[in-house]
Amino acid sequence: MSEPRTQPLEIRPLMISRIMEVDWADGHTSRLTFEHLRVECPCAECKGHTPDQAQVITGKEDVSIVDVAPVGNYAVQLHFSDGHNTGIFTWEYLRMLDNE
């Protein structure tokens, strides 16, 4: 069973403010901008297979999320308005992005 800290209860992409809110089982709510999520996409294309292969992603200030697709019971796949959709955002990764 997951820790409450990394167990989401609800995920809300707020289109006007371009913020994705995640309510966690421990009572915390994360507020992550769409830009931050796109720039920190964990896929191999963005992060590389090794740290020296990581790309610097810029120019995503106006990106939106067009779909949030569940991946099993451990993650979501975010589909962005720039056509990018290969990142799998685990619950642990989403919570870690809130702590940056």
PDB file of N, CA and C in Angstrom:
ATOM      1  N   MET A   1       0.837  -1.187   0.000  1.00  0.00           N
ATOM      2  CA  MET A   1       0.000   0.000   0.000  1.00  0.00           C
ATOM      3  C   MET A   1       0.882   1.251   0.000  1.00  0.00           C
ATOM      4  N   SER A   2       0.457   2.265  -0.703  1.00  0.00           N
ATOM      5  CA  SER A   2       1.214   3.511  -0.805  1.00  0.00           C
ATOM      6  C   SER A   2       1.119   4.319   0.479  1.00  0.00           C
ATOM      7  N   GLU A   3       2.139   5.136   0.683  1.00  0.00           N
ATOM      8  CA  GLU A   3       2.109   6.100   1.782  1.00  0.00           C
ATOM      9  C   GLU A   3       1.092   7.187   1.447  1.00  0.00           C
ATOM     10  N   PRO A   4       0.408   7.753   2.457  1.00  0.00           N
ATOM     11  CA  PRO A   4      -0.532   8.844   2.196  1.00  0.00           C
ATOM     12  C   PRO A   4       0.128  10.023   1.472  1.00  0.00           C
ATOM     13  N   ARG A   5       1.430  10.228   1.710  1.00  0.00           N
ATOM     14  CA  ARG A   5       2.161  11.333   1.096  1.00  0.00           C
ATOM     15  C   ARG A   5       2.206  11.211  -0.421  1.00  0.00           C
ATOM     16  N   THR A   6       2.147   9.983  -0.925  1.00  0.00           N
ATOM     17  CA  THR A   6       2.232   9.775  -2.374  1.00  0.00           C
ATOM     18  C   THR A   6       0.996   9.054  -2.919  1.00  0.00           C
ATOM     19  N   GLN A   7      -0.130   9.220  -2.241  1.00  0.00           N
ATOM     20  CA  GLN A   7      -1.388   8.647  -2.717  1.00  0.00           C
ATOM     21  C   GLN A   7      -2.348   9.777  -3.059  1.00  0.00           C
ATOM     22  N   PRO A   8      -2.557  10.043  -4.366  1.00  0.00           N
ATOM     23  CA  PRO A   8      -3.457  11.144  -4.727  1.00  0.00           C
ATOM     24  C   PRO A   8      -4.919  10.760  -4.532  1.00  0.00           C
ATOM     25  N   LEU A   9      -5.694  11.735  -4.106  1.00  0.00           N
ATOM     26  CA  LEU A   9      -7.136  11.549  -3.984  1.00  0.00           C
ATOM     27  C   LEU A   9      -7.864  12.140  -5.193  1.00  0.00           C
ATOM     28  N   GLU A  10      -7.328  13.265  -5.691  1.00  0.00           N
ATOM     29  CA  GLU A  10      -7.937  13.933  -6.841  1.00  0.00           C
ATOM     30  C   GLU A  10      -6.879  14.740  -7.577  1.00  0.00           C
ATOM     31  N   ILE A  11      -7.000  14.751  -8.909  1.00  0.00           N
ATOM     32  CA  ILE A  11      -6.114  15.547  -9.772  1.00  0.00           C
ATOM     33  C   ILE A  11      -6.999  16.464 -10.589  1.00  0.00           C
ATOM     34  N   ARG A  12      -6.702  17.767 -10.521  1.00  0.00           N
ATOM     35  CA  ARG A  12      -7.510  18.763 -11.227  1.00  0.00           C
ATOM     36  C   ARG A  12      -6.634  19.655 -12.092  1.00  0.00           C
ATOM     37  N   PRO A  13      -6.672  19.493 -13.410  1.00  0.00           N
ATOM     38  CA  PRO A  13      -5.996  20.481 -14.257  1.00  0.00           C
ATOM     39  C   PRO A  13      -6.901  21.708 -14.410  1.00  0.00           C
ATOM     40  N   LEU A  14      -6.421  22.845 -13.965  1.00  0.00           N
ATOM     41  CA  LEU A  14      -7.191  24.096 -14.025  1.00  0.00           C
ATOM     42  C   LEU A  14      -6.742  24.871 -15.261  1.00  0.00           C
ATOM     43  N   MET A  15      -7.570  24.872 -16.275  1.00  0.00           N
ATOM     44  CA  MET A  15      -7.166  25.376 -17.591  1.00  0.00           C
ATOM     45  C   MET A  15      -6.897  26.882 -17.615  1.00  0.00           C
ATOM     46  N   ILE A  16      -7.673  27.670 -16.926  1.00  0.00           N
ATOM     47  CA  ILE A  16      -7.489  29.121 -16.994  1.00  0.00           C
ATOM     48  C   ILE A  16      -6.184  29.539 -16.319  1.00  0.00           C
ATOM     49  N   SER A  17      -5.925  28.997 -15.144  1.00  0.00           N
ATOM     50  CA  SER A  17      -4.698  29.362 -14.415  1.00  0.00           C
ATOM     51  C   SER A  17      -3.486  28.538 -14.841  1.00  0.00           C
ATOM     52  N   ARG A  18      -3.706  27.501 -15.647  1.00  0.00           N
ATOM     53  CA  ARG A  18      -2.634  26.596 -16.089  1.00  0.00           C
ATOM     54  C   ARG A  18      -1.878  26.004 -14.901  1.00  0.00           C
ATOM     55  N   ILE A  19      -2.654  25.519 -13.946  1.00  0.00           N
ATOM     56  CA  ILE A  19      -2.103  24.861 -12.764  1.00  0.00           C
ATOM     57  C   ILE A  19      -2.815  23.527 -12.585  1.00  0.00           C
ATOM     58  N   MET A  20      -2.032  22.484 -12.261  1.00  0.00           N
ATOM     59  CA  MET A  20      -2.618  21.204 -11.927  1.00  0.00           C
ATOM     60  C   MET A  20      -2.559  21.039 -10.410  1.00  0.00           C
ATOM     61  N   GLU A  21      -3.721  20.885  -9.820  1.00  0.00           N
ATOM     62  CA  GLU A  21      -3.797  20.651  -8.380  1.00  0.00           C
ATOM     63  C   GLU A  21      -3.907  19.149  -8.130  1.00  0.00           C
ATOM     64  N   VAL A  22      -3.170  18.695  -7.122  1.00  0.00           N
ATOM     65  CA  VAL A  22      -3.241  17.294  -6.702  1.00  0.00           C
ATOM     66  C   VAL A  22      -3.518  17.284  -5.199  1.00  0.00           C
ATOM     67  N   ASP A  23      -4.650  16.696  -4.827  1.00  0.00           N
ATOM     68  CA  ASP A  23      -4.966  16.508  -3.415  1.00  0.00           C
ATOM     69  C   ASP A  23      -4.414  15.151  -2.998  1.00  0.00           C
ATOM     70  N   TRP A  24      -3.581  15.168  -1.947  1.00  0.00           N
ATOM     71  CA  TRP A  24      -2.938  13.946  -1.455  1.00  0.00           C
ATOM     72  C   TRP A  24      -3.646  13.431  -0.214  1.00  0.00           C
ATOM     73  N   ALA A  25      -3.506  12.127   0.047  1.00  0.00           N
ATOM     74  CA  ALA A  25      -4.170  11.486   1.185  1.00  0.00           C
ATOM     75  C   ALA A  25      -3.675  12.015   2.530  1.00  0.00           C
ATOM     76  N   ASP A  26      -2.506  12.665   2.549  1.00  0.00           N
ATOM     77  CA  ASP A  26      -2.001  13.219   3.814  1.00  0.00           C
ATOM     78  C   ASP A  26      -2.529  14.627   4.085  1.00  0.00           C
ATOM     79  N   GLY A  27      -3.459  15.112   3.238  1.00  0.00           N
ATOM     80  CA  GLY A  27      -4.065  16.424   3.442  1.00  0.00           C
ATOM     81  C   GLY A  27      -3.398  17.557   2.688  1.00  0.00           C
ATOM     82  N   HIS A  28      -2.258  17.313   2.067  1.00  0.00           N
ATOM     83  CA  HIS A  28      -1.541  18.345   1.316  1.00  0.00           C
ATOM     84  C   HIS A  28      -2.145  18.489  -0.082  1.00  0.00           C
ATOM     85  N   THR A  29      -2.117  19.697  -0.621  1.00  0.00           N
ATOM     86  CA  THR A  29      -2.503  19.942  -2.013  1.00  0.00           C
ATOM     87  C   THR A  29      -1.308  20.533  -2.740  1.00  0.00           C
ATOM     88  N   SER A  30      -0.884  19.856  -3.806  1.00  0.00           N
ATOM     89  CA  SER A  30       0.185  20.369  -4.661  1.00  0.00           C
ATOM     90  C   SER A  30      -0.432  21.253  -5.727  1.00  0.00           C
ATOM     91  N   ARG A  31       0.260  22.331  -6.069  1.00  0.00           N
ATOM     92  CA  ARG A  31      -0.160  23.237  -7.146  1.00  0.00           C
ATOM     93  C   ARG A  31       1.023  23.375  -8.089  1.00  0.00           C
ATOM     94  N   LEU A  32       0.970  22.647  -9.215  1.00  0.00           N
ATOM     95  CA  LEU A  32       2.074  22.596 -10.169  1.00  0.00           C
ATOM     96  C   LEU A  32       1.663  23.263 -11.471  1.00  0.00           C
ATOM     97  N   THR A  33       2.461  24.214 -11.938  1.00  0.00           N
ATOM     98  CA  THR A  33       2.120  24.879 -13.198  1.00  0.00           C
ATOM     99  C   THR A  33       2.305  23.913 -14.364  1.00  0.00           C
ATOM    100  N   PHE A  34       1.502  24.097 -15.390  1.00  0.00           N
ATOM    101  CA  PHE A  34       1.638  23.274 -16.584  1.00  0.00           C
ATOM    102  C   PHE A  34       3.043  23.426 -17.164  1.00  0.00           C
ATOM    103  N   GLU A  35       3.566  24.649 -17.151  1.00  0.00           N
ATOM    104  CA  GLU A  35       4.914  24.886 -17.668  1.00  0.00           C
ATOM    105  C   GLU A  35       5.933  24.044 -16.896  1.00  0.00           C
ATOM    106  N   HIS A  36       5.854  24.060 -15.582  1.00  0.00           N
ATOM    107  CA  HIS A  36       6.794  23.297 -14.751  1.00  0.00           C
ATOM    108  C   HIS A  36       6.688  21.802 -15.050  1.00  0.00           C
ATOM    109  N   LEU A  37       5.473  21.307 -15.183  1.00  0.00           N
ATOM    110  CA  LEU A  37       5.279  19.893 -15.502  1.00  0.00           C
ATOM    111  C   LEU A  37       5.873  19.548 -16.862  1.00  0.00           C
ATOM    112  N   ARG A  38       5.677  20.419 -17.843  1.00  0.00           N
ATOM    113  CA  ARG A  38       6.219  20.152 -19.193  1.00  0.00           C
ATOM    114  C   ARG A  38       7.742  20.190 -19.181  1.00  0.00           C
ATOM    115  N   VAL A  39       8.308  21.190 -18.519  1.00  0.00           N
ATOM    116  CA  VAL A  39       9.769  21.345 -18.473  1.00  0.00           C
ATOM    117  C   VAL A  39      10.411  20.183 -17.712  1.00  0.00           C
ATOM    118  N   GLU A  40       9.725  19.666 -16.707  1.00  0.00           N
ATOM    119  CA  GLU A  40      10.269  18.575 -15.889  1.00  0.00           C
ATOM    120  C   GLU A  40       9.742  17.203 -16.301  1.00  0.00           C
ATOM    121  N   CYS A  41       9.243  17.081 -17.526  1.00  0.00           N
ATOM    122  CA  CYS A  41       8.752  15.794 -18.017  1.00  0.00           C
ATOM    123  C   CYS A  41       9.839  14.732 -17.827  1.00  0.00           C
ATOM    124  N   PRO A  42       9.478  13.587 -17.221  1.00  0.00           N
ATOM    125  CA  PRO A  42      10.480  12.572 -16.914  1.00  0.00           C
ATOM    126  C   PRO A  42      10.821  11.610 -18.052  1.00  0.00           C
ATOM    127  N   CYS A  43      10.311  11.839 -19.249  1.00  0.00           N
ATOM    128  CA  CYS A  43      10.550  10.881 -20.332  1.00  0.00           C
ATOM    129  C   CYS A  43      12.017  10.898 -20.786  1.00  0.00           C
ATOM    130  N   ALA A  44      12.415   9.837 -21.475  1.00  0.00           N
ATOM    131  CA  ALA A  44      13.796   9.712 -21.959  1.00  0.00           C
ATOM    132  C   ALA A  44      14.141  10.801 -22.971  1.00  0.00           C
ATOM    133  N   GLU A  45      13.170  11.249 -23.760  1.00  0.00           N
ATOM    134  CA  GLU A  45      13.427  12.317 -24.729  1.00  0.00           C
ATOM    135  C   GLU A  45      13.854  13.606 -24.022  1.00  0.00           C
ATOM    136  N   CYS A  46      13.226  13.899 -22.881  1.00  0.00           N
ATOM    137  CA  CYS A  46      13.525  15.133 -22.147  1.00  0.00           C
ATOM    138  C   CYS A  46      14.671  14.962 -21.157  1.00  0.00           C
ATOM    139  N   LYS A  47      14.654  13.898 -20.394  1.00  0.00           N
ATOM    140  CA  LYS A  47      15.650  13.681 -19.340  1.00  0.00           C
ATOM    141  C   LYS A  47      16.840  12.849 -19.797  1.00  0.00           C
ATOM    142  N   GLY A  48      16.721  12.197 -20.964  1.00  0.00           N
ATOM    143  CA  GLY A  48      17.802  11.341 -21.443  1.00  0.00           C
ATOM    144  C   GLY A  48      17.849  10.036 -20.679  1.00  0.00           C
ATOM    145  N   HIS A  49      18.738   9.169 -21.140  1.00  0.00           N
ATOM    146  CA  HIS A  49      18.924   7.891 -20.459  1.00  0.00           C
ATOM    147  C   HIS A  49      19.976   8.023 -19.359  1.00  0.00           C
ATOM    148  N   THR A  50      20.787   9.071 -19.453  1.00  0.00           N
ATOM    149  CA  THR A  50      21.778   9.390 -18.425  1.00  0.00           C
ATOM    150  C   THR A  50      21.699  10.897 -18.193  1.00  0.00           C
ATOM    151  N   PRO A  51      22.163  11.377 -17.041  1.00  0.00           N
ATOM    152  CA  PRO A  51      22.059  12.824 -16.749  1.00  0.00           C
ATOM    153  C   PRO A  51      22.711  13.727 -17.800  1.00  0.00           C
ATOM    154  N   ASP A  52      23.782  13.286 -18.433  1.00  0.00           N
ATOM    155  CA  ASP A  52      24.440  14.133 -19.432  1.00  0.00           C
ATOM    156  C   ASP A  52      23.645  14.231 -20.731  1.00  0.00           C
ATOM    157  N   GLN A  53      22.615  13.420 -20.902  1.00  0.00           N
ATOM    158  CA  GLN A  53      21.763  13.470 -22.100  1.00  0.00           C
ATOM    159  C   GLN A  53      20.523  14.333 -21.898  1.00  0.00           C
ATOM    160  N   ALA A  54      20.320  14.855 -20.702  1.00  0.00           N
ATOM    161  CA  ALA A  54      19.116  15.642 -20.400  1.00  0.00           C
ATOM    162  C   ALA A  54      19.046  16.894 -21.271  1.00  0.00           C
ATOM    163  N   GLN A  55      17.845  17.198 -21.735  1.00  0.00           N
ATOM    164  CA  GLN A  55      17.593  18.377 -22.559  1.00  0.00           C
ATOM    165  C   GLN A  55      17.153  19.533 -21.669  1.00  0.00           C
ATOM    166  N   VAL A  56      17.515  20.739 -22.062  1.00  0.00           N
ATOM    167  CA  VAL A  56      16.988  21.931 -21.402  1.00  0.00           C
ATOM    168  C   VAL A  56      15.759  22.340 -22.204  1.00  0.00           C
ATOM    169  N   ILE A  57      14.605  22.262 -21.578  1.00  0.00           N
ATOM    170  CA  ILE A  57      13.336  22.564 -22.238  1.00  0.00           C
ATOM    171  C   ILE A  57      12.968  24.012 -21.908  1.00  0.00           C
ATOM    172  N   THR A  58      12.734  24.814 -22.934  1.00  0.00           N
ATOM    173  CA  THR A  58      12.356  26.215 -22.734  1.00  0.00           C
ATOM    174  C   THR A  58      11.167  26.562 -23.628  1.00  0.00           C
ATOM    175  N   GLY A  59      10.622  27.750 -23.439  1.00  0.00           N
ATOM    176  CA  GLY A  59       9.553  28.243 -24.298  1.00  0.00           C
ATOM    177  C   GLY A  59       8.223  27.550 -24.097  1.00  0.00           C
ATOM    178  N   LYS A  60       7.954  27.077 -22.904  1.00  0.00           N
ATOM    179  CA  LYS A  60       6.710  26.339 -22.643  1.00  0.00           C
ATOM    180  C   LYS A  60       5.757  27.108 -21.739  1.00  0.00           C
ATOM    181  N   GLU A  61       5.913  28.428 -21.658  1.00  0.00           N
ATOM    182  CA  GLU A  61       5.077  29.256 -20.794  1.00  0.00           C
ATOM    183  C   GLU A  61       3.588  29.147 -21.114  1.00  0.00           C
ATOM    184  N   ASP A  62       3.235  28.942 -22.373  1.00  0.00           N
ATOM    185  CA  ASP A  62       1.833  28.918 -22.785  1.00  0.00           C
ATOM    186  C   ASP A  62       1.278  27.522 -23.009  1.00  0.00           C
ATOM    187  N   VAL A  63       2.018  26.496 -22.617  1.00  0.00           N
ATOM    188  CA  VAL A  63       1.567  25.124 -22.835  1.00  0.00           C
ATOM    189  C   VAL A  63       0.373  24.815 -21.931  1.00  0.00           C
ATOM    190  N   SER A  64      -0.521  23.984 -22.428  1.00  0.00           N
ATOM    191  CA  SER A  64      -1.678  23.524 -21.659  1.00  0.00           C
ATOM    192  C   SER A  64      -1.638  22.004 -21.566  1.00  0.00           C
ATOM    193  N   ILE A  65      -2.422  21.468 -20.675  1.00  0.00           N
ATOM    194  CA  ILE A  65      -2.614  20.022 -20.603  1.00  0.00           C
ATOM    195  C   ILE A  65      -3.932  19.716 -21.297  1.00  0.00           C
ATOM    196  N   VAL A  66      -3.890  18.831 -22.284  1.00  0.00           N
ATOM    197  CA  VAL A  66      -5.099  18.507 -23.030  1.00  0.00           C
ATOM    198  C   VAL A  66      -5.720  17.187 -22.587  1.00  0.00           C
ATOM    199  N   ASP A  67      -4.943  16.365 -21.852  1.00  0.00           N
ATOM    200  CA  ASP A  67      -5.489  15.107 -21.349  1.00  0.00           C
ATOM    201  C   ASP A  67      -4.621  14.613 -20.199  1.00  0.00           C
ATOM    202  N   VAL A  68      -5.267  13.970 -19.242  1.00  0.00           N
ATOM    203  CA  VAL A  68      -4.594  13.310 -18.131  1.00  0.00           C
ATOM    204  C   VAL A  68      -5.070  11.865 -18.158  1.00  0.00           C
ATOM    205  N   ALA A  69      -4.174  10.949 -18.524  1.00  0.00           N
ATOM    206  CA  ALA A  69      -4.546   9.541 -18.660  1.00  0.00           C
ATOM    207  C   ALA A  69      -3.921   8.721 -17.532  1.00  0.00           C
ATOM    208  N   PRO A  70      -4.732   7.933 -16.814  1.00  0.00           N
ATOM    209  CA  PRO A  70      -4.176   7.107 -15.761  1.00  0.00           C
ATOM    210  C   PRO A  70      -3.255   6.028 -16.326  1.00  0.00           C
ATOM    211  N   VAL A  71      -2.225   5.700 -15.565  1.00  0.00           N
ATOM    212  CA  VAL A  71      -1.314   4.606 -15.900  1.00  0.00           C
ATOM    213  C   VAL A  71      -1.317   3.683 -14.680  1.00  0.00           C
ATOM    214  N   GLY A  72      -2.053   2.601 -14.791  1.00  0.00           N
ATOM    215  CA  GLY A  72      -2.190   1.692 -13.659  1.00  0.00           C
ATOM    216  C   GLY A  72      -2.673   2.433 -12.426  1.00  0.00           C
ATOM    217  N   ASN A  73      -2.148   2.036 -11.276  1.00  0.00           N
ATOM    218  CA  ASN A  73      -2.480   2.689 -10.004  1.00  0.00           C
ATOM    219  C   ASN A  73      -1.309   3.478  -9.464  1.00  0.00           C
ATOM    220  N   TYR A  74      -0.362   3.825 -10.349  1.00  0.00           N
ATOM    221  CA  TYR A  74       0.866   4.439  -9.851  1.00  0.00           C
ATOM    222  C   TYR A  74       1.264   5.736 -10.536  1.00  0.00           C
ATOM    223  N   ALA A  75       0.546   6.168 -11.598  1.00  0.00           N
ATOM    224  CA  ALA A  75       1.013   7.317 -12.366  1.00  0.00           C
ATOM    225  C   ALA A  75      -0.080   7.863 -13.282  1.00  0.00           C
ATOM    226  N   VAL A  76       0.251   9.003 -13.905  1.00  0.00           N
ATOM    227  CA  VAL A  76      -0.560   9.558 -14.985  1.00  0.00           C
ATOM    228  C   VAL A  76       0.355   9.915 -16.149  1.00  0.00           C
ATOM    229  N   GLN A  77      -0.223   9.873 -17.329  1.00  0.00           N
ATOM    230  CA  GLN A  77       0.467  10.334 -18.529  1.00  0.00           C
ATOM    231  C   GLN A  77      -0.202  11.641 -18.931  1.00  0.00           C
ATOM    232  N   LEU A  78       0.600  12.703 -18.979  1.00  0.00           N
ATOM    233  CA  LEU A  78       0.073  14.015 -19.331  1.00  0.00           C
ATOM    234  C   LEU A  78       0.272  14.269 -20.816  1.00  0.00           C
ATOM    235  N   HIS A  79      -0.778  14.739 -21.462  1.00  0.00           N
ATOM    236  CA  HIS A  79      -0.728  15.103 -22.875  1.00  0.00           C
ATOM    237  C   HIS A  79      -0.764  16.627 -22.935  1.00  0.00           C
ATOM    238  N   PHE A  80       0.289  17.206 -23.506  1.00  0.00           N
ATOM    239  CA  PHE A  80       0.437  18.655 -23.550  1.00  0.00           C
ATOM    240  C   PHE A  80       0.017  19.215 -24.909  1.00  0.00           C
ATOM    241  N   SER A  81      -0.354  20.483 -24.930  1.00  0.00           N
ATOM    242  CA  SER A  81      -0.824  21.137 -26.150  1.00  0.00           C
ATOM    243  C   SER A  81       0.254  21.274 -27.215  1.00  0.00           C
ATOM    244  N   ASP A  82       1.532  21.107 -26.855  1.00  0.00           N
ATOM    245  CA  ASP A  82       2.594  21.155 -27.864  1.00  0.00           C
ATOM    246  C   ASP A  82       2.812  19.796 -28.530  1.00  0.00           C
ATOM    247  N   GLY A  83       1.939  18.823 -28.223  1.00  0.00           N
ATOM    248  CA  GLY A  83       2.017  17.502 -28.830  1.00  0.00           C
ATOM    249  C   GLY A  83       2.835  16.502 -28.027  1.00  0.00           C
ATOM    250  N   HIS A  84       3.497  16.942 -26.987  1.00  0.00           N
ATOM    251  CA  HIS A  84       4.326  16.034 -26.185  1.00  0.00           C
ATOM    252  C   HIS A  84       3.437  15.221 -25.246  1.00  0.00           C
ATOM    253  N   ASN A  85       3.676  13.887 -25.205  1.00  0.00           N
ATOM    254  CA  ASN A  85       2.825  13.035 -24.361  1.00  0.00           C
ATOM    255  C   ASN A  85       3.512  11.750 -23.919  1.00  0.00           C
ATOM    256  N   THR A  86       4.831  11.719 -23.907  1.00  0.00           N
ATOM    257  CA  THR A  86       5.518  10.465 -23.613  1.00  0.00           C
ATOM    258  C   THR A  86       5.945  10.309 -22.157  1.00  0.00           C
ATOM    259  N   GLY A  87       5.741  11.321 -21.335  1.00  0.00           N
ATOM    260  CA  GLY A  87       6.162  11.232 -19.940  1.00  0.00           C
ATOM    261  C   GLY A  87       5.148  10.526 -19.060  1.00  0.00           C
ATOM    262  N   ILE A  88       5.645   9.646 -18.211  1.00  0.00           N
ATOM    263  CA  ILE A  88       4.832   8.985 -17.203  1.00  0.00           C
ATOM    264  C   ILE A  88       5.191   9.622 -15.859  1.00  0.00           C
ATOM    265  N   PHE A  89       4.244  10.324 -15.270  1.00  0.00           N
ATOM    266  CA  PHE A  89       4.457  11.033 -14.012  1.00  0.00           C
ATOM    267  C   PHE A  89       3.955  10.157 -12.869  1.00  0.00           C
ATOM    268  N   THR A  90       4.877   9.485 -12.176  1.00  0.00           N
ATOM    269  CA  THR A  90       4.475   8.656 -11.037  1.00  0.00           C
ATOM    270  C   THR A  90       4.018   9.558  -9.904  1.00  0.00           C
ATOM    271  N   TRP A  91       3.272   8.960  -8.979  1.00  0.00           N
ATOM    272  CA  TRP A  91       2.826   9.737  -7.822  1.00  0.00           C
ATOM    273  C   TRP A  91       4.023  10.287  -7.062  1.00  0.00           C
ATOM    274  N   GLU A  92       5.060   9.486  -6.891  1.00  0.00           N
ATOM    275  CA  GLU A  92       6.255   9.933  -6.178  1.00  0.00           C
ATOM    276  C   GLU A  92       6.913  11.113  -6.889  1.00  0.00           C
ATOM    277  N   TYR A  93       6.982  11.043  -8.223  1.00  0.00           N
ATOM    278  CA  TYR A  93       7.613  12.121  -8.991  1.00  0.00           C
ATOM    279  C   TYR A  93       6.798  13.415  -8.880  1.00  0.00           C
ATOM    280  N   LEU A  94       5.474  13.315  -8.984  1.00  0.00           N
ATOM    281  CA  LEU A  94       4.624  14.507  -8.854  1.00  0.00           C
ATOM    282  C   LEU A  94       4.808  15.155  -7.481  1.00  0.00           C
ATOM    283  N   ARG A  95       4.863  14.346  -6.443  1.00  0.00           N
ATOM    284  CA  ARG A  95       5.035  14.902  -5.103  1.00  0.00           C
ATOM    285  C   ARG A  95       6.419  15.522  -4.962  1.00  0.00           C
ATOM    286  N   MET A  96       7.427  14.898  -5.551  1.00  0.00           N
ATOM    287  CA  MET A  96       8.780  15.438  -5.508  1.00  0.00           C
ATOM    288  C   MET A  96       8.847  16.791  -6.232  1.00  0.00           C
ATOM    289  N   LEU A  97       8.124  16.937  -7.340  1.00  0.00           N
ATOM    290  CA  LEU A  97       8.117  18.216  -8.067  1.00  0.00           C
ATOM    291  C   LEU A  97       7.553  19.337  -7.201  1.00  0.00           C
ATOM    292  N   ASP A  98       6.650  19.017  -6.309  1.00  0.00           N
ATOM    293  CA  ASP A  98       6.087  20.014  -5.400  1.00  0.00           C
ATOM    294  C   ASP A  98       7.096  20.445  -4.344  1.00  0.00           C
ATOM    295  N   ASN A  99       8.074  19.641  -4.080  1.00  0.00           N
ATOM    296  CA  ASN A  99       9.057  19.941  -3.033  1.00  0.00           C
ATOM    297  C   ASN A  99      10.272  20.686  -3.562  1.00  0.00           C
ATOM    298  N   GLU A 100      10.318  20.954  -4.848  1.00  0.00           N
ATOM    299  CA  GLU A 100      11.489  21.649  -5.410  1.00  0.00           C
ATOM    300  C   GLU A 100      11.507  23.096  -4.997  1.00  0.00           C
TER     301      GLU A 100
END
